[in-house]
Amino acid sequence: MEKYHEYLEKAEKNIKVADHIISITYPLVKDPKLLLAVMENAYFSFLNIMNSVLHYERNLKKIPEFNEVFEIKAELFRAKIMPKYKLKEEYYKTLIELKEILIEHKESPVEFSRKDSFVICSDSYKMRTLSLKDIKGYIAKAKLFIEEANHIIKKNEGILGQR
């Protein structure tokens, strides 16, 4: 199995876990800390989709070898892959936003739950609120991104098979 297929499978697994937590586990437990687990899985889904398409393009020798550093891959994806396949800028922005949220969470001195949301505070008390609605939006975007990545790979694999 090609590396890009492995990344795509991981992305699908991540989004299934996120979807399960948000639709089954969270309504039963009602613990807003579960929203962070959903965010992490949504982020890893976006990351794995990006990796899948990058490795697919690398496999076709359409892009040069690249370093496995997030910033390098993200910029290569934004500059080369997104325009080529007319992918929405929203996917890139969401990937970056999810990464920032997870970094804020990691560095946050104070976090707390409020109703159906989770609040992350920075050292300067700048607050970021993660609502159930926002998180469901990230999951929906990830599902669309997976569909588009699948379409790119399957459409072009048919071309590869004809060589």
Protein backbone atom coordinates (compact mmCIF):
# COMPACT_ATOMS: atom_id res chain seq x y z
CA MET A 1 0.00 0.00 0.00
CA GLU A 2 1.30 3.41 -0.96
CA LYS A 3 2.10 5.93 1.75
CA TYR A 4 -0.60 8.32 0.50
CA HIS A 5 -3.23 5.60 0.94
CA GLU A 6 -2.06 5.05 4.52
CA TYR A 7 -2.41 8.77 5.27
CA LEU A 8 -5.88 8.86 3.74
CA GLU A 9 -6.96 5.86 5.83
CA LYS A 10 -5.63 7.56 8.96
CA ALA A 11 -7.57 10.72 8.08
CA GLU A 12 -10.77 8.74 7.65
CA LYS A 13 -10.19 6.93 10.95
CA ASN A 14 -9.51 10.23 12.77
CA ILE A 15 -12.70 11.80 11.51
CA LYS A 16 -14.74 8.71 12.38
CA VAL A 17 -13.41 8.88 15.94
CA ALA A 18 -14.17 12.61 16.15
CA ASP A 19 -17.65 12.08 14.74
CA HIS A 20 -18.34 9.22 17.18
CA ILE A 21 -17.24 11.25 20.18
CA ILE A 22 -19.31 14.28 19.19
CA SER A 23 -22.46 12.38 18.20
CA ILE A 24 -22.48 9.42 20.64
CA THR A 25 -20.14 9.92 23.61
CA TYR A 26 -20.49 13.65 24.23
CA PRO A 27 -24.33 13.68 24.45
CA LEU A 28 -24.14 10.90 27.06
CA VAL A 29 -21.28 12.25 29.18
CA LYS A 30 -21.72 16.02 28.59
CA ASP A 31 -18.08 16.72 29.46
CA PRO A 32 -16.79 19.68 27.43
CA LYS A 33 -13.23 18.32 27.80
CA LEU A 34 -14.25 15.72 25.23
CA LEU A 35 -14.43 18.59 22.76
CA LEU A 36 -10.62 18.77 22.91
CA ALA A 37 -10.36 15.12 21.90
CA VAL A 38 -12.65 15.88 18.97
CA MET A 39 -10.50 18.89 18.04
CA GLU A 40 -7.33 16.77 18.10
CA ASN A 41 -8.89 14.13 15.88
CA ALA A 42 -10.19 16.79 13.47
CA TYR A 43 -6.71 18.34 13.32
CA PHE A 44 -5.04 14.98 12.68
CA SER A 45 -7.61 14.27 9.99
CA PHE A 46 -6.75 17.55 8.20
CA LEU A 47 -3.03 16.89 8.66
CA ASN A 48 -3.28 13.36 7.28
CA ILE A 49 -5.32 14.53 4.29
CA MET A 50 -2.67 17.14 3.50
CA ASN A 51 0.06 14.49 3.89
CA SER A 52 -1.84 12.09 1.66
CA VAL A 53 -2.14 14.52 -1.23
CA LEU A 54 1.47 15.71 -0.82
CA HIS A 55 2.81 12.15 -0.89
CA TYR A 56 0.55 11.34 -3.83
CA GLU A 57 1.97 14.26 -5.79
CA ARG A 58 5.48 13.30 -4.73
CA ASN A 59 4.82 9.75 -5.92
CA LEU A 60 3.90 11.18 -9.32
CA LYS A 61 7.08 13.28 -9.19
CA LYS A 62 5.01 16.44 -9.63
CA ILE A 63 6.58 18.10 -6.59
CA PRO A 64 10.13 17.90 -5.23
CA GLU A 65 11.22 15.94 -2.17
CA PHE A 66 10.07 17.78 0.94
CA ASN A 67 11.04 17.90 4.57
CA GLU A 68 8.57 16.41 7.06
CA VAL A 69 8.34 19.72 8.95
CA PHE A 70 4.76 20.97 9.31
CA GLU A 71 5.44 24.53 8.12
CA ILE A 72 7.27 23.35 4.99
CA LYS A 73 4.56 20.84 4.08
CA ALA A 74 1.75 23.31 4.77
CA GLU A 75 3.35 25.98 2.58
CA LEU A 76 4.03 23.49 -0.22
CA PHE A 77 0.43 22.33 0.00
CA ARG A 78 -0.91 25.89 -0.07
CA ALA A 79 1.36 27.06 -2.89
CA LYS A 80 1.41 24.04 -5.23
CA ILE A 81 -1.40 21.60 -4.47
CA MET A 82 -4.34 23.85 -3.65
CA PRO A 83 -4.20 25.89 -6.88
CA LYS A 84 -3.61 22.79 -9.00
CA TYR A 85 -6.72 21.02 -7.73
CA LYS A 86 -8.73 24.17 -7.00
CA LEU A 87 -9.05 23.24 -3.32
CA LYS A 88 -10.78 25.74 -1.06
CA GLU A 89 -8.52 28.10 0.91
CA GLU A 90 -10.84 27.31 3.82
CA TYR A 91 -9.19 23.87 4.23
CA TYR A 92 -5.76 25.41 4.69
CA LYS A 93 -7.09 28.06 7.08
CA THR A 94 -8.90 25.42 9.14
CA LEU A 95 -5.76 23.27 9.39
CA ILE A 96 -3.77 26.27 10.65
CA GLU A 97 -6.55 27.33 13.03
CA LEU A 98 -6.83 23.85 14.54
CA LYS A 99 -3.06 23.73 15.03
CA GLU A 100 -3.14 27.13 16.76
CA ILE A 101 -5.98 26.05 19.05
CA LEU A 102 -4.10 22.91 20.10
CA ILE A 103 -0.94 24.94 20.78
CA GLU A 104 -2.97 27.45 22.83
CA HIS A 105 -4.46 24.55 24.78
CA LYS A 106 -1.03 23.09 25.47
CA GLU A 107 0.38 26.44 26.66
CA SER A 108 -2.76 27.56 28.47
CA PRO A 109 -2.51 28.19 32.22
CA VAL A 110 -6.30 28.26 32.63
CA GLU A 111 -9.09 26.28 30.94
CA PHE A 112 -12.66 25.78 31.99
CA SER A 113 -16.02 24.51 30.80
CA ARG A 114 -19.06 26.68 30.28
CA LYS A 115 -22.33 25.13 29.11
CA ASP A 116 -21.65 23.36 25.79
CA SER A 117 -18.27 25.00 25.27
CA PHE A 118 -14.67 24.80 26.41
CA VAL A 119 -12.74 28.01 27.14
CA ILE A 120 -8.97 28.32 26.78
CA CYS A 121 -7.25 31.34 28.35
CA SER A 122 -3.76 32.58 27.51
CA ASP A 123 -1.28 34.16 29.94
CA SER A 124 -2.68 37.55 28.94
CA TYR A 125 -6.23 36.23 29.52
CA LYS A 126 -7.11 36.29 25.86
CA MET A 127 -9.91 33.74 25.64
CA ARG A 128 -10.79 31.28 22.92
CA THR A 129 -14.12 29.52 23.21
CA LEU A 130 -14.72 26.20 21.49
CA SER A 131 -18.42 25.63 21.02
CA LEU A 132 -20.17 22.45 19.99
CA LYS A 133 -21.34 24.19 16.80
CA ASP A 134 -17.76 25.24 15.86
CA ILE A 135 -16.44 21.73 16.37
CA LYS A 136 -19.21 20.16 14.31
CA GLY A 137 -18.24 22.63 11.57
CA TYR A 138 -14.62 21.42 11.68
CA ILE A 139 -15.81 17.82 11.33
CA ALA A 140 -18.02 18.70 8.37
CA LYS A 141 -15.12 20.48 6.64
CA ALA A 142 -12.82 17.52 7.26
CA LYS A 143 -15.36 15.15 5.70
CA LEU A 144 -15.57 17.35 2.58
CA PHE A 145 -11.77 17.58 2.44
CA ILE A 146 -11.52 13.77 2.63
CA GLU A 147 -14.02 13.44 -0.23
CA GLU A 148 -12.02 15.85 -2.39
CA ALA A 149 -8.73 14.09 -1.60
CA ASN A 150 -10.29 10.72 -2.44
CA HIS A 151 -11.58 12.16 -5.71
CA ILE A 152 -8.14 13.55 -6.62
CA ILE A 153 -6.38 10.26 -5.91
CA LYS A 154 -8.95 7.91 -7.46
CA LYS A 155 -9.40 10.04 -10.58
CA ASN A 156 -5.68 10.24 -11.20
CA GLU A 157 -4.93 6.63 -10.23
CA GLY A 158 -7.16 5.62 -13.14
CA ILE A 159 -4.87 7.63 -15.39
CA LEU A 160 -1.80 5.98 -13.82
CA GLY A 161 -3.21 2.51 -14.43
CA GLN A 162 -3.52 3.23 -18.16
CA ARG A 163 0.19 3.92 -18.61
